[in-house]
Amino acid sequence: MVAVLVTVGASALAAPVYVWTDAAGVRHYSDRAASPAARRADQSIRALAEPADSPATTSAATPPGASHTPRIATPGPGARIVDPRGEATISLMIPDGLGPDERLIYRLDGRVLEDAPPRATRLAVDRLVPGRHELDVELVAHDTPTGRTDHVVFEMALGAGSAAGPTSTPAPGERAGRPPS
């Protein structure tokens, strides 16, 4: 009987906890993602790089209609990421960089990554569940969406990984070891 209780208790502690805030501002916690805005409470999002604002960047605004769109460099379309922690690295390329009044909105599986720094071009997101994921990045200027977005679909697999970190299998037709051009 004690062994059964210990086993049940341990599995309950290992279950993920999801958190979200509803339209009325009430924060909810559950063992199920009962809202599209729900995220794992134990998931962390951290910036790996954020562009520094230099005097040249802050003094010159990007002209309206300038054609620079965020492009997701990693993960590539159709990539398969194998990592024991379910961690994915997201890297963006933005021609001419971000203007002083521009920011990025990251969406993973339709949910805005609220904890993602708005000017970060490299992020690490951990504890992704195994399976297919959709990533969108949108450029916003002067608090107005520009319509300039990029979208990729990738797969997460929990595997043995290595001390060197997560591995990523290139999508069919993509060359390994070389960033997209």
N, C-alpha and C. Protein backbone atom coordinates (compact mmCIF):
# COMPACT_ATOMS: atom_id res chain seq x y z
N MET A 1 0.82 -1.19 0.00
CA MET A 1 0.00 0.00 0.00
C MET A 1 0.86 1.25 0.00
N VAL A 2 1.91 1.28 0.83
CA VAL A 2 2.81 2.43 0.90
C VAL A 2 3.51 2.63 -0.44
N ALA A 3 3.93 1.54 -1.07
CA ALA A 3 4.60 1.64 -2.37
C ALA A 3 3.68 2.26 -3.42
N VAL A 4 2.40 1.90 -3.40
CA VAL A 4 1.44 2.47 -4.34
C VAL A 4 1.28 3.96 -4.09
N LEU A 5 1.15 4.36 -2.83
CA LEU A 5 1.00 5.78 -2.51
C LEU A 5 2.24 6.58 -2.91
N VAL A 6 3.42 6.05 -2.68
CA VAL A 6 4.65 6.74 -3.07
C VAL A 6 4.72 6.88 -4.58
N THR A 7 4.37 5.83 -5.31
CA THR A 7 4.40 5.87 -6.77
C THR A 7 3.40 6.89 -7.31
N VAL A 8 2.19 6.89 -6.80
CA VAL A 8 1.16 7.83 -7.24
C VAL A 8 1.58 9.26 -6.89
N GLY A 9 2.10 9.45 -5.70
CA GLY A 9 2.55 10.79 -5.28
C GLY A 9 3.69 11.30 -6.14
N ALA A 10 4.64 10.44 -6.47
CA ALA A 10 5.77 10.85 -7.31
C ALA A 10 5.31 11.20 -8.70
N SER A 11 4.38 10.43 -9.27
CA SER A 11 3.91 10.75 -10.61
C SER A 11 3.09 12.03 -10.62
N ALA A 12 2.37 12.33 -9.55
CA ALA A 12 1.62 13.58 -9.48
C ALA A 12 2.57 14.76 -9.40
N LEU A 13 3.69 14.61 -8.68
CA LEU A 13 4.66 15.70 -8.61
C LEU A 13 5.36 15.92 -9.94
N ALA A 14 5.48 14.91 -10.76
CA ALA A 14 6.16 15.03 -12.05
C ALA A 14 5.27 15.62 -13.13
N ALA A 15 3.96 15.69 -12.89
CA ALA A 15 3.03 16.21 -13.90
C ALA A 15 3.29 17.69 -14.12
N PRO A 16 3.22 18.14 -15.36
CA PRO A 16 3.45 19.56 -15.63
C PRO A 16 2.30 20.41 -15.07
N VAL A 17 2.61 21.63 -14.73
CA VAL A 17 1.61 22.60 -14.28
C VAL A 17 1.57 23.71 -15.32
N TYR A 18 0.36 24.04 -15.77
CA TYR A 18 0.17 25.09 -16.76
C TYR A 18 -0.40 26.33 -16.09
N VAL A 19 -0.04 27.49 -16.59
CA VAL A 19 -0.52 28.75 -16.04
C VAL A 19 -0.96 29.65 -17.18
N TRP A 20 -2.03 30.42 -16.95
CA TRP A 20 -2.48 31.41 -17.91
C TRP A 20 -3.32 32.46 -17.19
N THR A 21 -3.44 33.61 -17.83
CA THR A 21 -4.26 34.69 -17.30
C THR A 21 -5.44 34.89 -18.24
N ASP A 22 -6.65 34.91 -17.69
CA ASP A 22 -7.84 35.06 -18.53
C ASP A 22 -8.10 36.54 -18.84
N ALA A 23 -9.14 36.81 -19.62
CA ALA A 23 -9.48 38.17 -20.05
C ALA A 23 -9.78 39.10 -18.88
N ALA A 24 -10.23 38.56 -17.75
CA ALA A 24 -10.54 39.37 -16.57
C ALA A 24 -9.30 39.61 -15.70
N GLY A 25 -8.15 39.09 -16.13
CA GLY A 25 -6.92 39.27 -15.37
C GLY A 25 -6.70 38.27 -14.27
N VAL A 26 -7.51 37.20 -14.23
CA VAL A 26 -7.38 36.17 -13.20
C VAL A 26 -6.37 35.12 -13.68
N ARG A 27 -5.39 34.83 -12.84
CA ARG A 27 -4.37 33.84 -13.17
C ARG A 27 -4.88 32.46 -12.77
N HIS A 28 -4.75 31.48 -13.69
CA HIS A 28 -5.21 30.11 -13.47
C HIS A 28 -4.03 29.14 -13.52
N TYR A 29 -4.13 28.07 -12.73
CA TYR A 29 -3.14 26.99 -12.72
C TYR A 29 -3.89 25.67 -12.91
N SER A 30 -3.32 24.78 -13.73
CA SER A 30 -3.97 23.50 -13.97
C SER A 30 -2.93 22.48 -14.42
N ASP A 31 -3.32 21.21 -14.36
CA ASP A 31 -2.45 20.16 -14.88
C ASP A 31 -2.70 19.94 -16.37
N ARG A 32 -3.63 20.72 -16.95
CA ARG A 32 -3.92 20.66 -18.39
C ARG A 32 -3.86 22.06 -18.98
N ALA A 33 -3.46 22.16 -20.22
CA ALA A 33 -3.44 23.45 -20.92
C ALA A 33 -4.86 23.72 -21.41
N ALA A 34 -5.69 24.29 -20.54
CA ALA A 34 -7.11 24.49 -20.84
C ALA A 34 -7.37 25.77 -21.62
N SER A 35 -6.34 26.52 -21.97
CA SER A 35 -6.49 27.76 -22.72
C SER A 35 -5.37 27.84 -23.76
N PRO A 36 -5.62 28.46 -24.91
CA PRO A 36 -4.53 28.63 -25.88
C PRO A 36 -3.39 29.47 -25.31
N ALA A 37 -3.66 30.30 -24.31
CA ALA A 37 -2.63 31.14 -23.70
C ALA A 37 -1.83 30.39 -22.63
N ALA A 38 -2.21 29.16 -22.32
CA ALA A 38 -1.55 28.40 -21.24
C ALA A 38 -0.12 28.06 -21.63
N ARG A 39 0.76 28.16 -20.64
CA ARG A 39 2.16 27.75 -20.83
C ARG A 39 2.58 26.97 -19.60
N ARG A 40 3.60 26.15 -19.77
CA ARG A 40 4.11 25.40 -18.63
C ARG A 40 4.73 26.37 -17.64
N ALA A 41 4.36 26.23 -16.38
CA ALA A 41 4.87 27.12 -15.34
C ALA A 41 6.37 26.95 -15.13
N ASP A 42 6.89 25.76 -15.43
CA ASP A 42 8.31 25.51 -15.23
C ASP A 42 9.14 25.76 -16.49
N GLN A 43 8.51 26.30 -17.53
CA GLN A 43 9.23 26.57 -18.79
C GLN A 43 9.96 27.90 -18.66
N SER A 44 11.19 27.93 -19.13
CA SER A 44 11.92 29.20 -19.10
C SER A 44 12.28 29.61 -20.51
N ILE A 45 12.30 30.91 -20.69
CA ILE A 45 12.68 31.51 -21.96
C ILE A 45 13.77 32.51 -21.62
N ARG A 46 14.93 32.36 -22.24
CA ARG A 46 16.00 33.29 -21.92
C ARG A 46 16.66 33.78 -23.20
N ALA A 47 17.04 35.04 -23.17
CA ALA A 47 17.72 35.65 -24.31
C ALA A 47 19.16 35.17 -24.34
N LEU A 48 19.62 34.78 -25.51
CA LEU A 48 21.02 34.41 -25.69
C LEU A 48 21.80 35.58 -26.27
N ALA A 49 21.10 36.51 -26.93
CA ALA A 49 21.73 37.71 -27.48
C ALA A 49 20.64 38.75 -27.69
N GLU A 50 20.99 39.98 -27.42
CA GLU A 50 20.07 41.09 -27.63
C GLU A 50 20.89 42.23 -28.22
N PRO A 51 20.44 42.83 -29.34
CA PRO A 51 21.24 43.87 -29.96
C PRO A 51 21.39 45.08 -29.02
N ALA A 52 22.59 45.63 -28.99
CA ALA A 52 22.83 46.82 -28.18
C ALA A 52 22.37 48.04 -28.97
N ASP A 53 21.77 49.00 -28.27
CA ASP A 53 21.37 50.25 -28.92
C ASP A 53 22.58 51.17 -28.95
N SER A 54 23.00 51.51 -30.15
CA SER A 54 24.11 52.44 -30.30
C SER A 54 23.56 53.80 -30.68
N PRO A 55 24.34 54.88 -30.48
CA PRO A 55 23.84 56.20 -30.85
C PRO A 55 23.39 56.27 -32.30
N ALA A 56 24.08 55.58 -33.21
CA ALA A 56 23.69 55.61 -34.62
C ALA A 56 22.34 54.95 -34.82
N THR A 57 22.09 53.87 -34.08
CA THR A 57 20.81 53.16 -34.22
C THR A 57 19.67 53.97 -33.64
N THR A 58 19.87 54.60 -32.49
CA THR A 58 18.77 55.31 -31.85
C THR A 58 18.48 56.66 -32.50
N SER A 59 19.44 57.24 -33.22
CA SER A 59 19.19 58.55 -33.81
C SER A 59 18.50 58.46 -35.16
N ALA A 60 18.62 57.34 -35.86
CA ALA A 60 18.03 57.22 -37.18
C ALA A 60 16.93 56.17 -37.16
N ALA A 61 15.72 56.60 -37.41
CA ALA A 61 14.59 55.66 -37.44
C ALA A 61 14.57 54.94 -38.77
N THR A 62 14.06 53.73 -38.77
CA THR A 62 13.90 52.98 -40.01
C THR A 62 12.77 53.60 -40.81
N PRO A 63 13.01 53.91 -42.09
CA PRO A 63 11.95 54.55 -42.87
C PRO A 63 10.73 53.66 -42.99
N PRO A 64 9.51 54.26 -42.99
CA PRO A 64 8.30 53.46 -43.14
C PRO A 64 8.35 52.68 -44.45
N GLY A 65 7.92 51.44 -44.40
CA GLY A 65 7.89 50.60 -45.60
C GLY A 65 9.23 49.96 -45.93
N ALA A 66 10.25 50.20 -45.10
CA ALA A 66 11.54 49.57 -45.36
C ALA A 66 11.36 48.06 -45.34
N SER A 67 12.02 47.40 -46.30
CA SER A 67 11.79 45.96 -46.41
C SER A 67 12.83 45.18 -45.62
N HIS A 68 12.59 45.07 -44.36
CA HIS A 68 13.37 44.13 -43.56
C HIS A 68 12.38 43.33 -42.72
N THR A 69 12.45 42.05 -42.94
CA THR A 69 11.53 41.12 -42.32
C THR A 69 12.33 40.14 -41.48
N PRO A 70 11.88 39.83 -40.26
CA PRO A 70 12.61 38.82 -39.48
C PRO A 70 12.57 37.47 -40.18
N ARG A 71 13.70 36.82 -40.22
CA ARG A 71 13.79 35.49 -40.83
C ARG A 71 14.31 34.52 -39.78
N ILE A 72 13.57 33.46 -39.55
CA ILE A 72 13.98 32.46 -38.56
C ILE A 72 15.08 31.61 -39.18
N ALA A 73 16.29 31.72 -38.60
CA ALA A 73 17.44 30.94 -39.09
C ALA A 73 17.45 29.55 -38.48
N THR A 74 17.17 29.48 -37.16
CA THR A 74 17.06 28.19 -36.48
C THR A 74 15.90 28.25 -35.51
N PRO A 75 15.14 27.22 -35.41
CA PRO A 75 15.24 25.98 -36.17
C PRO A 75 14.76 26.19 -37.60
N GLY A 76 15.34 25.44 -38.51
CA GLY A 76 14.93 25.52 -39.90
C GLY A 76 13.62 24.79 -40.13
N PRO A 77 12.96 25.09 -41.23
CA PRO A 77 11.70 24.40 -41.54
C PRO A 77 11.89 22.89 -41.59
N GLY A 78 11.07 22.17 -40.87
CA GLY A 78 11.14 20.71 -40.85
C GLY A 78 12.26 20.14 -40.01
N ALA A 79 12.99 20.98 -39.27
CA ALA A 79 14.10 20.49 -38.44
C ALA A 79 13.58 19.58 -37.34
N ARG A 80 14.42 18.65 -36.94
CA ARG A 80 14.12 17.75 -35.82
C ARG A 80 15.18 18.02 -34.76
N ILE A 81 14.76 18.54 -33.61
CA ILE A 81 15.68 18.87 -32.53
C ILE A 81 15.60 17.76 -31.49
N VAL A 82 16.77 17.23 -31.12
CA VAL A 82 16.84 16.17 -30.11
C VAL A 82 17.59 16.74 -28.91
N ASP A 83 16.90 16.81 -27.77
CA ASP A 83 17.51 17.35 -26.56
C ASP A 83 16.82 16.72 -25.36
N PRO A 84 17.58 16.27 -24.36
CA PRO A 84 16.96 15.61 -23.21
C PRO A 84 16.08 16.54 -22.37
N ARG A 85 16.33 17.85 -22.42
CA ARG A 85 15.53 18.81 -21.65
C ARG A 85 14.41 19.42 -22.49
N GLY A 86 14.32 19.06 -23.75
CA GLY A 86 13.31 19.66 -24.62
C GLY A 86 13.62 21.11 -24.92
N GLU A 87 14.92 21.43 -25.05
CA GLU A 87 15.32 22.82 -25.27
C GLU A 87 15.57 23.10 -26.75
N ALA A 88 15.03 24.21 -27.21
CA ALA A 88 15.23 24.65 -28.59
C ALA A 88 15.84 26.04 -28.57
N THR A 89 16.80 26.26 -29.48
CA THR A 89 17.39 27.58 -29.65
C THR A 89 16.74 28.21 -30.87
N ILE A 90 16.30 29.45 -30.71
CA ILE A 90 15.68 30.20 -31.79
C ILE A 90 16.63 31.33 -32.17
N SER A 91 16.97 31.41 -33.45
CA SER A 91 17.84 32.48 -33.95
C SER A 91 17.15 33.18 -35.10
N LEU A 92 17.25 34.50 -35.11
CA LEU A 92 16.66 35.31 -36.17
C LEU A 92 17.73 36.07 -36.93
N MET A 93 17.43 36.34 -38.18
CA MET A 93 18.23 37.26 -38.99
C MET A 93 17.29 38.38 -39.40
N ILE A 94 17.74 39.62 -39.23
CA ILE A 94 16.95 40.78 -39.62
C ILE A 94 17.85 41.69 -40.42
N PRO A 95 17.61 41.80 -41.74
CA PRO A 95 18.44 42.72 -42.54
C PRO A 95 18.38 44.12 -41.94
N ASP A 96 19.52 44.75 -41.80
CA ASP A 96 19.65 46.11 -41.25
C ASP A 96 19.32 46.19 -39.76
N GLY A 97 19.09 45.07 -39.08
CA GLY A 97 18.82 45.07 -37.65
C GLY A 97 17.48 45.70 -37.29
N LEU A 98 17.23 45.79 -35.99
CA LEU A 98 16.00 46.39 -35.50
C LEU A 98 16.17 47.90 -35.35
N GLY A 99 15.14 48.64 -35.77
CA GLY A 99 15.13 50.08 -35.55
C GLY A 99 14.83 50.38 -34.09
N PRO A 100 15.02 51.62 -33.65
CA PRO A 100 14.83 51.95 -32.24
C PRO A 100 13.39 51.77 -31.75
N ASP A 101 12.42 51.88 -32.62
CA ASP A 101 11.02 51.73 -32.23
C ASP A 101 10.43 50.41 -32.69
N GLU A 102 11.29 49.43 -32.95
CA GLU A 102 10.82 48.12 -33.41
C GLU A 102 11.05 47.08 -32.32
N ARG A 103 10.17 46.08 -32.31
CA ARG A 103 10.31 44.97 -31.38
C ARG A 103 9.80 43.71 -32.05
N LEU A 104 10.05 42.59 -31.43
CA LEU A 104 9.65 41.29 -31.97
C LEU A 104 8.63 40.64 -31.06
N ILE A 105 7.66 39.97 -31.66
CA ILE A 105 6.71 39.16 -30.91
C ILE A 105 6.89 37.73 -31.37
N TYR A 106 7.23 36.86 -30.42
CA TYR A 106 7.42 35.44 -30.69
C TYR A 106 6.14 34.70 -30.33
N ARG A 107 5.72 33.79 -31.21
CA ARG A 107 4.58 32.92 -30.92
C ARG A 107 5.02 31.48 -31.13
N LEU A 108 4.75 30.64 -30.15
CA LEU A 108 5.06 29.22 -30.24
C LEU A 108 3.75 28.47 -30.10
N ASP A 109 3.40 27.72 -31.12
CA ASP A 109 2.14 26.96 -31.14
C ASP A 109 0.94 27.88 -30.91
N GLY A 110 0.99 29.08 -31.48
CA GLY A 110 -0.12 30.02 -31.39
C GLY A 110 -0.17 30.85 -30.13
N ARG A 111 0.76 30.64 -29.21
CA ARG A 111 0.79 31.35 -27.93
C ARG A 111 1.95 32.33 -27.91
N VAL A 112 1.67 33.58 -27.53
CA VAL A 112 2.72 34.59 -27.44
C VAL A 112 3.67 34.21 -26.30
N LEU A 113 4.95 34.24 -26.57
CA LEU A 113 5.96 33.98 -25.53
C LEU A 113 6.16 35.29 -24.77
N GLU A 114 5.35 35.48 -23.74
CA GLU A 114 5.34 36.73 -22.97
C GLU A 114 6.70 37.05 -22.35
N ASP A 115 7.46 36.02 -21.98
CA ASP A 115 8.73 36.22 -21.30
C ASP A 115 9.89 36.51 -22.25
N ALA A 116 9.63 36.48 -23.56
CA ALA A 116 10.70 36.71 -24.53
C ALA A 116 11.02 38.21 -24.60
N PRO A 117 12.28 38.57 -24.39
CA PRO A 117 12.64 39.99 -24.50
C PRO A 117 12.30 40.49 -25.91
N PRO A 118 11.66 41.65 -26.04
CA PRO A 118 11.15 42.11 -27.32
C PRO A 118 12.19 42.47 -28.37
N ARG A 119 13.46 42.59 -27.97
CA ARG A 119 14.50 42.92 -28.95
C ARG A 119 15.52 41.79 -29.13
N ALA A 120 15.28 40.66 -28.46
CA ALA A 120 16.22 39.53 -28.54
C ALA A 120 16.10 38.84 -29.89
N THR A 121 17.23 38.53 -30.48
CA THR A 121 17.25 37.82 -31.75
C THR A 121 17.70 36.36 -31.60
N ARG A 122 18.09 35.99 -30.38
CA ARG A 122 18.41 34.59 -30.07
C ARG A 122 17.82 34.26 -28.72
N LEU A 123 17.04 33.17 -28.70
CA LEU A 123 16.38 32.73 -27.47
C LEU A 123 16.63 31.25 -27.26
N ALA A 124 16.53 30.83 -26.00
CA ALA A 124 16.49 29.42 -25.67
C ALA A 124 15.17 29.19 -24.94
N VAL A 125 14.40 28.20 -25.40
CA VAL A 125 13.13 27.83 -24.78
C VAL A 125 13.27 26.38 -24.35
N ASP A 126 13.03 26.11 -23.07
CA ASP A 126 13.18 24.73 -22.60
C ASP A 126 11.84 24.10 -22.26
N ARG A 127 11.89 22.82 -22.00
CA ARG A 127 10.73 21.99 -21.63
C ARG A 127 9.63 21.98 -22.69
N LEU A 128 10.04 21.95 -23.94
CA LEU A 128 9.05 21.78 -25.01
C LEU A 128 8.64 20.31 -25.05
N VAL A 129 7.37 20.07 -25.22
CA VAL A 129 6.90 18.70 -25.28
C VAL A 129 7.33 18.08 -26.60
N PRO A 130 7.56 16.77 -26.63
CA PRO A 130 7.91 16.12 -27.88
C PRO A 130 6.79 16.28 -28.90
N GLY A 131 7.18 16.41 -30.14
CA GLY A 131 6.19 16.51 -31.22
C GLY A 131 6.40 17.74 -32.08
N ARG A 132 5.40 18.04 -32.86
CA ARG A 132 5.44 19.11 -33.85
C ARG A 132 5.15 20.46 -33.18
N HIS A 133 5.92 21.48 -33.55
CA HIS A 133 5.73 22.83 -33.02
C HIS A 133 5.75 23.84 -34.17
N GLU A 134 4.98 24.91 -34.00
CA GLU A 134 4.96 25.99 -34.98
C GLU A 134 5.49 27.25 -34.31
N LEU A 135 6.41 27.92 -34.98
CA LEU A 135 7.03 29.13 -34.47
C LEU A 135 6.77 30.27 -35.44
N ASP A 136 6.28 31.39 -34.92
CA ASP A 136 6.07 32.59 -35.71
C ASP A 136 6.78 33.74 -35.02
N VAL A 137 7.37 34.63 -35.81
CA VAL A 137 7.98 35.85 -35.28
C VAL A 137 7.44 37.00 -36.10
N GLU A 138 6.96 38.03 -35.39
CA GLU A 138 6.37 39.19 -36.05
C GLU A 138 7.13 40.46 -35.67
N LEU A 139 7.35 41.31 -36.64
CA LEU A 139 8.00 42.60 -36.41
C LEU A 139 6.92 43.65 -36.15
N VAL A 140 7.10 44.40 -35.06
CA VAL A 140 6.16 45.46 -34.67
C VAL A 140 6.94 46.77 -34.64
N ALA A 141 6.42 47.80 -35.29
CA ALA A 141 7.05 49.12 -35.29
C ALA A 141 6.09 50.13 -34.71
N HIS A 142 6.59 50.94 -33.78
CA HIS A 142 5.76 51.97 -33.14
C HIS A 142 4.47 51.35 -32.58
N ASP A 143 4.59 50.16 -31.97
CA ASP A 143 3.47 49.42 -31.39
C ASP A 143 2.39 49.03 -32.39
N THR A 144 2.74 49.01 -33.68
CA THR A 144 1.80 48.60 -34.73
C THR A 144 2.39 47.42 -35.49
N PRO A 145 1.67 46.32 -35.59
CA PRO A 145 2.19 45.18 -36.38
C PRO A 145 2.45 45.63 -37.82
N THR A 146 3.59 45.22 -38.35
CA THR A 146 3.98 45.61 -39.71
C THR A 146 3.50 44.62 -40.76
N GLY A 147 3.08 43.44 -40.32
CA GLY A 147 2.72 42.40 -41.28
C GLY A 147 3.92 41.61 -41.74
N ARG A 148 5.10 41.99 -41.28
CA ARG A 148 6.32 41.28 -41.65
C ARG A 148 6.56 40.17 -40.62
N THR A 149 6.36 38.94 -41.05
CA THR A 149 6.47 37.79 -40.16
C THR A 149 7.21 36.65 -40.85
N ASP A 150 7.67 35.71 -40.05
CA ASP A 150 8.22 34.47 -40.58
C ASP A 150 7.62 33.33 -39.77
N HIS A 151 7.57 32.15 -40.37
CA HIS A 151 6.90 30.99 -39.79
C HIS A 151 7.69 29.74 -40.12
N VAL A 152 7.92 28.89 -39.13
CA VAL A 152 8.53 27.58 -39.37
C VAL A 152 7.80 26.53 -38.53
N VAL A 153 7.86 25.31 -39.01
CA VAL A 153 7.36 24.15 -38.29
C VAL A 153 8.56 23.25 -38.04
N PHE A 154 8.72 22.78 -36.79
CA PHE A 154 9.83 21.90 -36.45
C PHE A 154 9.33 20.83 -35.49
N GLU A 155 10.18 19.84 -35.24
CA GLU A 155 9.82 18.74 -34.34
C GLU A 155 10.80 18.68 -33.18
N MET A 156 10.27 18.44 -31.99
CA MET A 156 11.10 18.27 -30.80
C MET A 156 11.05 16.80 -30.40
N ALA A 157 12.23 16.25 -30.11
CA ALA A 157 12.33 14.87 -29.63
C ALA A 157 13.19 14.87 -28.38
N LEU A 158 12.74 14.16 -27.37
CA LEU A 158 13.54 14.04 -26.16
C LEU A 158 14.46 12.85 -26.34
N GLY A 159 15.75 13.12 -26.39
CA GLY A 159 16.72 12.05 -26.60
C GLY A 159 17.87 12.19 -25.64
N ALA A 160 18.84 11.32 -25.80
CA ALA A 160 20.00 11.31 -24.91
C ALA A 160 20.78 12.60 -25.02
N GLY A 161 20.81 13.23 -26.22
CA GLY A 161 21.57 14.47 -26.38
C GLY A 161 23.03 14.23 -26.13
N SER A 162 23.78 15.30 -25.92
CA SER A 162 25.21 15.18 -25.65
C SER A 162 25.64 16.35 -24.79
N ALA A 163 26.86 16.29 -24.31
CA ALA A 163 27.39 17.38 -23.50
C ALA A 163 27.51 18.65 -24.33
N ALA A 164 27.60 18.52 -25.65
CA ALA A 164 27.73 19.68 -26.52
C ALA A 164 26.41 20.41 -26.69
N GLY A 165 25.31 19.84 -26.25
CA GLY A 165 24.03 20.51 -26.34
C GLY A 165 23.11 19.82 -27.32
N PRO A 166 21.99 20.51 -27.67
CA PRO A 166 21.01 19.90 -28.54
C PRO A 166 21.53 19.69 -29.95
N THR A 167 20.99 18.68 -30.60
CA THR A 167 21.34 18.45 -32.00
C THR A 167 20.13 18.78 -32.84
N SER A 168 20.40 19.21 -34.04
CA SER A 168 19.31 19.57 -34.94
C SER A 168 19.58 18.90 -36.28
N THR A 169 18.61 18.18 -36.77
CA THR A 169 18.72 17.54 -38.07
C THR A 169 18.16 18.49 -39.11
N PRO A 170 18.94 18.81 -40.15
CA PRO A 170 18.43 19.74 -41.15
C PRO A 170 17.23 19.17 -41.88
N ALA A 171 16.40 20.07 -42.35
CA ALA A 171 15.24 19.69 -43.14
C ALA A 171 15.72 19.13 -44.47
N PRO A 172 14.90 18.29 -45.13
CA PRO A 172 15.29 17.79 -46.44
C PRO A 172 15.59 18.95 -47.37
N GLY A 173 16.71 18.85 -48.09
CA GLY A 173 17.09 19.90 -49.03
C GLY A 173 17.92 21.00 -48.39
N GLU A 174 18.08 20.99 -47.07
CA GLU A 174 18.87 22.00 -46.38
C GLU A 174 20.25 21.42 -46.14
N ARG A 175 21.30 22.23 -46.34
CA ARG A 175 22.65 21.75 -46.16
C ARG A 175 23.06 21.86 -44.71
N ALA A 176 23.62 20.77 -44.16
CA ALA A 176 24.05 20.76 -42.77
C ALA A 176 25.29 21.63 -42.61
N GLY A 177 25.40 22.28 -41.45
CA GLY A 177 26.59 23.05 -41.12
C GLY A 177 26.65 24.43 -41.76
N ARG A 178 25.66 24.84 -42.48
CA ARG A 178 25.68 26.13 -43.14
C ARG A 178 24.35 26.83 -42.89
N PRO A 179 24.38 28.08 -42.36
CA PRO A 179 23.11 28.76 -42.13
C PRO A 179 22.41 29.06 -43.44
N PRO A 180 21.09 29.18 -43.40
CA PRO A 180 20.37 29.49 -44.63
C PRO A 180 20.79 30.84 -45.18
N SER A 181 20.76 30.97 -46.50
CA SER A 181 21.17 32.26 -47.09
C SER A 181 20.00 32.98 -47.69
